[in-house]
Amino acid sequence: MKKLFIFASLIGLVVTGLTPASAHVGTQMRGNTLQAGQSSRVYLSLGHGCAYKEAKYGTSVFSVVVPKSAGKPTPEFVPGFKVVVEPSSTVDANKTPDYYTVTWTAKARSWVIDDGTFFDFGLKVKWDKTPQVVPFKTTQICYATTASGSKLPLYLNWHITDGSTKAAEPTIEWGPAPSVTTIP
């Protein structure tokens, strides 16, 4: 009976054209706390590179928007990558940035994260005192080489937080943002 229910559920998804949501960048806590008001660490797990015209490319740049509900982030050192933390230009009444953008950039081609491999980027954070869903909008940038030899940036934007979908463009794909839910 249980197998029949699972099979019927899968058929229902196929027939209605729906697929279960899954981000291509995931979150891992590795035993760190999700308790609201506490300091913690969160890891964003990059699962693959980019595809363009039936070729695959590694990730050269990885960025994440860290909302103020996760505090000012401290990025983990990643050998072979330069990291920059930039506060948003918009602030609240207490002059706290609405978010921070953390960007890791490969220092050389030899440090690019190859397609078909994964990597975890870590952040030290301090959760807001109010339990909530904390989205981490992430962007991967890969570079394809054009016929003229120039670099063509390819974007994988994992920004969607409302369950909607957005159509891909020739060099830009969209998907669900990874998130965590803090607890009381």
C-alpha atoms as a PDB file:
ATOM      1  CA  MET A   1       0.000   0.000   0.000  1.00  0.00           C
ATOM      2  CA  LYS A   2       2.812   2.409   0.907  1.00  0.00           C
ATOM      3  CA  LYS A   3       4.607   1.692  -2.416  1.00  0.00           C
ATOM      4  CA  LEU A   4       1.357   2.302  -4.306  1.00  0.00           C
ATOM      5  CA  PHE A   5       0.916   5.696  -2.582  1.00  0.00           C
ATOM      6  CA  ILE A   6       4.492   6.762  -3.435  1.00  0.00           C
ATOM      7  CA  PHE A   7       4.058   5.598  -7.050  1.00  0.00           C
ATOM      8  CA  ALA A   8       0.730   7.450  -7.366  1.00  0.00           C
ATOM      9  CA  SER A   9       2.292  10.612  -5.921  1.00  0.00           C
ATOM     10  CA  LEU A  10       5.137  10.493  -8.455  1.00  0.00           C
ATOM     11  CA  ILE A  11       2.684   9.905 -11.315  1.00  0.00           C
ATOM     12  CA  GLY A  12       0.681  12.894 -10.080  1.00  0.00           C
ATOM     13  CA  LEU A  13       3.770  15.104 -10.249  1.00  0.00           C
ATOM     14  CA  VAL A  14       4.578  13.944 -13.777  1.00  0.00           C
ATOM     15  CA  VAL A  15       1.002  14.290 -15.058  1.00  0.00           C
ATOM     16  CA  THR A  16       0.580  17.814 -13.671  1.00  0.00           C
ATOM     17  CA  GLY A  17       4.005  18.890 -14.912  1.00  0.00           C
ATOM     18  CA  LEU A  18       5.320  19.659 -11.439  1.00  0.00           C
ATOM     19  CA  THR A  19       8.682  18.629 -10.088  1.00  0.00           C
ATOM     20  CA  PRO A  20       9.816  18.723  -6.493  1.00  0.00           C
ATOM     21  CA  ALA A  21      11.804  21.901  -5.781  1.00  0.00           C
ATOM     22  CA  SER A  22      15.511  21.473  -5.245  1.00  0.00           C
ATOM     23  CA  ALA A  23      18.250  24.050  -5.129  1.00  0.00           C
ATOM     24  CA  HIS A  24      21.534  23.411  -6.867  1.00  0.00           C
ATOM     25  CA  VAL A  25      23.248  25.166  -3.993  1.00  0.00           C
ATOM     26  CA  GLY A  26      22.324  23.626  -0.658  1.00  0.00           C
ATOM     27  CA  THR A  27      22.893  24.517   2.965  1.00  0.00           C
ATOM     28  CA  GLN A  28      24.663  22.386   5.551  1.00  0.00           C
ATOM     29  CA  MET A  29      24.910  23.092   9.248  1.00  0.00           C
ATOM     30  CA  ARG A  30      27.445  20.368  10.117  1.00  0.00           C
ATOM     31  CA  GLY A  31      26.137  20.232  13.679  1.00  0.00           C
ATOM     32  CA  ASN A  32      26.128  24.024  14.147  1.00  0.00           C
ATOM     33  CA  THR A  33      23.101  25.643  15.762  1.00  0.00           C
ATOM     34  CA  LEU A  34      20.010  27.087  14.128  1.00  0.00           C
ATOM     35  CA  GLN A  35      18.891  28.564  17.446  1.00  0.00           C
ATOM     36  CA  ALA A  36      17.727  32.156  17.028  1.00  0.00           C
ATOM     37  CA  GLY A  37      19.983  34.722  18.714  1.00  0.00           C
ATOM     38  CA  GLN A  38      23.051  32.459  18.641  1.00  0.00           C
ATOM     39  CA  SER A  39      26.310  32.591  16.696  1.00  0.00           C
ATOM     40  CA  SER A  40      26.761  29.758  14.239  1.00  0.00           C
ATOM     41  CA  ARG A  41      28.287  28.585  10.994  1.00  0.00           C
ATOM     42  CA  VAL A  42      26.497  27.695   7.775  1.00  0.00           C
ATOM     43  CA  TYR A  43      27.985  26.060   4.690  1.00  0.00           C
ATOM     44  CA  LEU A  44      26.718  26.644   1.165  1.00  0.00           C
ATOM     45  CA  SER A  45      27.337  23.566  -0.924  1.00  0.00           C
ATOM     46  CA  LEU A  46      27.939  24.267  -4.591  1.00  0.00           C
ATOM     47  CA  GLY A  47      26.874  21.190  -6.556  1.00  0.00           C
ATOM     48  CA  HIS A  48      27.934  21.756 -10.169  1.00  0.00           C
ATOM     49  CA  GLY A  49      29.193  24.251 -12.744  1.00  0.00           C
ATOM     50  CA  CYS A  50      27.458  25.783 -15.773  1.00  0.00           C
ATOM     51  CA  ALA A  51      26.381  24.418 -19.146  1.00  0.00           C
ATOM     52  CA  TYR A  52      26.319  26.403 -22.391  1.00  0.00           C
ATOM     53  CA  LYS A  53      25.815  25.105 -25.919  1.00  0.00           C
ATOM     54  CA  GLU A  54      26.275  21.506 -24.745  1.00  0.00           C
ATOM     55  CA  ALA A  55      29.632  22.260 -23.069  1.00  0.00           C
ATOM     56  CA  LYS A  56      30.268  22.421 -19.304  1.00  0.00           C
ATOM     57  CA  TYR A  57      32.302  25.024 -17.435  1.00  0.00           C
ATOM     58  CA  GLY A  58      33.622  25.291 -13.890  1.00  0.00           C
ATOM     59  CA  THR A  59      32.632  27.955 -11.372  1.00  0.00           C
ATOM     60  CA  SER A  60      35.061  30.892 -11.153  1.00  0.00           C
ATOM     61  CA  VAL A  61      33.020  33.200  -8.909  1.00  0.00           C
ATOM     62  CA  PHE A  62      30.589  32.328  -6.124  1.00  0.00           C
ATOM     63  CA  SER A  63      28.637  35.016  -4.293  1.00  0.00           C
ATOM     64  CA  VAL A  64      25.964  34.961  -1.619  1.00  0.00           C
ATOM     65  CA  VAL A  65      23.651  37.655  -0.302  1.00  0.00           C
ATOM     66  CA  VAL A  66      23.530  37.308   3.484  1.00  0.00           C
ATOM     67  CA  PRO A  67      20.449  39.042   4.950  1.00  0.00           C
ATOM     68  CA  LYS A  68      20.767  41.096   8.116  1.00  0.00           C
ATOM     69  CA  SER A  69      18.812  38.349   9.922  1.00  0.00           C
ATOM     70  CA  ALA A  70      22.105  36.395   9.806  1.00  0.00           C
ATOM     71  CA  GLY A  71      24.216  39.341  11.035  1.00  0.00           C
ATOM     72  CA  LYS A  72      27.472  40.527   9.502  1.00  0.00           C
ATOM     73  CA  PRO A  73      29.066  37.400   8.019  1.00  0.00           C
ATOM     74  CA  THR A  74      32.669  36.310   8.366  1.00  0.00           C
ATOM     75  CA  PRO A  75      33.624  34.195   5.344  1.00  0.00           C
ATOM     76  CA  GLU A  76      35.711  31.060   5.612  1.00  0.00           C
ATOM     77  CA  PHE A  77      39.168  31.287   4.040  1.00  0.00           C
ATOM     78  CA  VAL A  78      39.313  29.249   0.842  1.00  0.00           C
ATOM     79  CA  PRO A  79      42.793  28.618  -0.605  1.00  0.00           C
ATOM     80  CA  GLY A  80      43.074  29.915  -4.177  1.00  0.00           C
ATOM     81  CA  PHE A  81      40.140  32.325  -3.793  1.00  0.00           C
ATOM     82  CA  LYS A  82      40.019  36.030  -2.982  1.00  0.00           C
ATOM     83  CA  VAL A  83      37.041  36.910  -0.796  1.00  0.00           C
ATOM     84  CA  VAL A  84      35.295  40.271  -0.446  1.00  0.00           C
ATOM     85  CA  VAL A  85      32.455  41.238   1.927  1.00  0.00           C
ATOM     86  CA  GLU A  86      30.408  44.265   0.827  1.00  0.00           C
ATOM     87  CA  PRO A  87      27.591  45.849   2.867  1.00  0.00           C
ATOM     88  CA  SER A  88      24.458  46.928   1.009  1.00  0.00           C
ATOM     89  CA  SER A  89      23.991  50.621   0.323  1.00  0.00           C
ATOM     90  CA  THR A  90      20.542  50.423   1.934  1.00  0.00           C
ATOM     91  CA  VAL A  91      20.378  50.470   5.724  1.00  0.00           C
ATOM     92  CA  ASP A  92      17.739  50.375   8.443  1.00  0.00           C
ATOM     93  CA  ALA A  93      17.016  53.097  11.042  1.00  0.00           C
ATOM     94  CA  ASN A  94      20.023  51.877  13.100  1.00  0.00           C
ATOM     95  CA  LYS A  95      22.283  52.185  10.017  1.00  0.00           C
ATOM     96  CA  THR A  96      22.628  48.385   9.823  1.00  0.00           C
ATOM     97  CA  PRO A  97      23.007  47.214   6.206  1.00  0.00           C
ATOM     98  CA  ASP A  98      19.981  45.313   4.887  1.00  0.00           C
ATOM     99  CA  TYR A  99      22.360  42.600   3.662  1.00  0.00           C
ATOM    100  CA  TYR A 100      25.996  41.794   2.928  1.00  0.00           C
ATOM    101  CA  THR A 101      27.294  40.296  -0.306  1.00  0.00           C
ATOM    102  CA  VAL A 102      30.158  37.835   0.120  1.00  0.00           C
ATOM    103  CA  THR A 103      32.038  36.995  -3.087  1.00  0.00           C
ATOM    104  CA  TRP A 104      34.739  34.371  -3.552  1.00  0.00           C
ATOM    105  CA  THR A 105      36.716  34.680  -6.822  1.00  0.00           C
ATOM    106  CA  ALA A 106      39.218  32.103  -8.094  1.00  0.00           C
ATOM    107  CA  LYS A 107      42.695  33.687  -8.267  1.00  0.00           C
ATOM    108  CA  ALA A 108      43.717  31.554 -11.244  1.00  0.00           C
ATOM    109  CA  ARG A 109      42.174  29.106 -13.715  1.00  0.00           C
ATOM    110  CA  SER A 110      43.707  26.245 -11.740  1.00  0.00           C
ATOM    111  CA  TRP A 111      41.437  27.115  -8.774  1.00  0.00           C
ATOM    112  CA  VAL A 112      38.146  27.071 -10.716  1.00  0.00           C
ATOM    113  CA  ILE A 113      35.707  24.538  -9.262  1.00  0.00           C
ATOM    114  CA  ASP A 114      35.260  22.005 -12.051  1.00  0.00           C
ATOM    115  CA  ASP A 115      31.817  20.963 -13.200  1.00  0.00           C
ATOM    116  CA  GLY A 116      31.012  17.530 -11.826  1.00  0.00           C
ATOM    117  CA  THR A 117      32.609  18.315  -8.449  1.00  0.00           C
ATOM    118  CA  PHE A 118      31.254  20.078  -5.359  1.00  0.00           C
ATOM    119  CA  PHE A 119      32.603  22.557  -2.851  1.00  0.00           C
ATOM    120  CA  ASP A 120      31.351  24.045   0.439  1.00  0.00           C
ATOM    121  CA  PHE A 121      31.762  27.748   1.208  1.00  0.00           C
ATOM    122  CA  GLY A 122      31.477  28.553   4.919  1.00  0.00           C
ATOM    123  CA  LEU A 123      30.169  31.590   6.762  1.00  0.00           C
ATOM    124  CA  LYS A 124      30.238  32.522  10.430  1.00  0.00           C
ATOM    125  CA  VAL A 125      26.930  34.233  11.268  1.00  0.00           C
ATOM    126  CA  LYS A 126      24.808  35.400  14.206  1.00  0.00           C
ATOM    127  CA  TRP A 127      21.124  34.616  13.820  1.00  0.00           C
ATOM    128  CA  ASP A 128      18.517  37.270  14.589  1.00  0.00           C
ATOM    129  CA  LYS A 129      16.646  36.721  17.877  1.00  0.00           C
ATOM    130  CA  THR A 130      13.388  36.053  16.023  1.00  0.00           C
ATOM    131  CA  PRO A 131      13.046  32.536  14.543  1.00  0.00           C
ATOM    132  CA  GLN A 132      12.534  32.743  10.762  1.00  0.00           C
ATOM    133  CA  VAL A 133      13.417  31.417   7.328  1.00  0.00           C
ATOM    134  CA  VAL A 134      16.784  32.860   6.265  1.00  0.00           C
ATOM    135  CA  PRO A 135      17.341  32.751   2.487  1.00  0.00           C
ATOM    136  CA  PHE A 136      20.831  32.888   0.995  1.00  0.00           C
ATOM    137  CA  LYS A 137      20.538  34.166  -2.582  1.00  0.00           C
ATOM    138  CA  THR A 138      23.564  32.787  -4.401  1.00  0.00           C
ATOM    139  CA  THR A 139      25.137  33.362  -7.802  1.00  0.00           C
ATOM    140  CA  GLN A 140      27.666  31.206  -9.623  1.00  0.00           C
ATOM    141  CA  ILE A 141      29.624  32.691 -12.500  1.00  0.00           C
ATOM    142  CA  CYS A 142      31.359  30.461 -15.019  1.00  0.00           C
ATOM    143  CA  TYR A 143      33.173  31.616 -18.152  1.00  0.00           C
ATOM    144  CA  ALA A 144      32.687  30.088 -21.571  1.00  0.00           C
ATOM    145  CA  THR A 145      35.193  30.851 -24.301  1.00  0.00           C
ATOM    146  CA  THR A 146      33.662  32.323 -27.463  1.00  0.00           C
ATOM    147  CA  ALA A 147      34.846  31.600 -31.024  1.00  0.00           C
ATOM    148  CA  SER A 148      36.825  34.864 -30.907  1.00  0.00           C
ATOM    149  CA  GLY A 149      38.563  33.741 -27.704  1.00  0.00           C
ATOM    150  CA  SER A 150      36.830  36.212 -25.381  1.00  0.00           C
ATOM    151  CA  LYS A 151      35.252  35.176 -22.070  1.00  0.00           C
ATOM    152  CA  LEU A 152      31.461  34.956 -21.942  1.00  0.00           C
ATOM    153  CA  PRO A 153      30.061  35.032 -18.379  1.00  0.00           C
ATOM    154  CA  LEU A 154      27.400  32.436 -17.570  1.00  0.00           C
ATOM    155  CA  TYR A 155      25.202  33.029 -14.523  1.00  0.00           C
ATOM    156  CA  LEU A 156      23.444  30.525 -12.281  1.00  0.00           C
ATOM    157  CA  ASN A 157      21.235  32.669 -10.034  1.00  0.00           C
ATOM    158  CA  TRP A 158      19.746  30.744  -7.129  1.00  0.00           C
ATOM    159  CA  HIS A 159      17.600  33.706  -6.011  1.00  0.00           C
ATOM    160  CA  ILE A 160      13.974  32.577  -6.012  1.00  0.00           C
ATOM    161  CA  THR A 161      12.437  32.611  -2.515  1.00  0.00           C
ATOM    162  CA  ASP A 162       8.685  32.489  -3.214  1.00  0.00           C
ATOM    163  CA  GLY A 163       8.358  29.101  -4.937  1.00  0.00           C
ATOM    164  CA  SER A 164       7.857  30.651  -8.375  1.00  0.00           C
ATOM    165  CA  THR A 165       9.892  29.890 -11.480  1.00  0.00           C
ATOM    166  CA  LYS A 166      11.665  32.127 -13.938  1.00  0.00           C
ATOM    167  CA  ALA A 167      12.539  31.248 -17.519  1.00  0.00           C
ATOM    168  CA  ALA A 168      16.185  30.758 -18.399  1.00  0.00           C
ATOM    169  CA  GLU A 169      17.915  33.107 -20.786  1.00  0.00           C
ATOM    170  CA  PRO A 170      20.798  32.065 -23.077  1.00  0.00           C
ATOM    171  CA  THR A 171      23.492  32.813 -20.459  1.00  0.00           C
ATOM    172  CA  ILE A 172      21.408  33.063 -17.268  1.00  0.00           C
ATOM    173  CA  GLU A 173      19.567  30.365 -15.338  1.00  0.00           C
ATOM    174  CA  TRP A 174      17.323  30.865 -12.294  1.00  0.00           C
ATOM    175  CA  GLY A 175      16.469  28.563  -9.433  1.00  0.00           C
ATOM    176  CA  PRO A 176      15.430  28.407  -5.776  1.00  0.00           C
ATOM    177  CA  ALA A 177      17.610  30.098  -3.162  1.00  0.00           C
ATOM    178  CA  PRO A 178      18.987  27.830  -0.456  1.00  0.00           C
ATOM    179  CA  SER A 179      17.704  28.673   3.014  1.00  0.00           C
ATOM    180  CA  VAL A 180      17.661  27.613   6.643  1.00  0.00           C
ATOM    181  CA  THR A 181      14.989  28.032   9.294  1.00  0.00           C
ATOM    182  CA  THR A 182      16.080  29.230  12.698  1.00  0.00           C
ATOM    183  CA  ILE A 183      14.340  27.898  15.791  1.00  0.00           C
ATOM    184  CA  PRO A 184      13.369  29.343  19.215  1.00  0.00           C
END
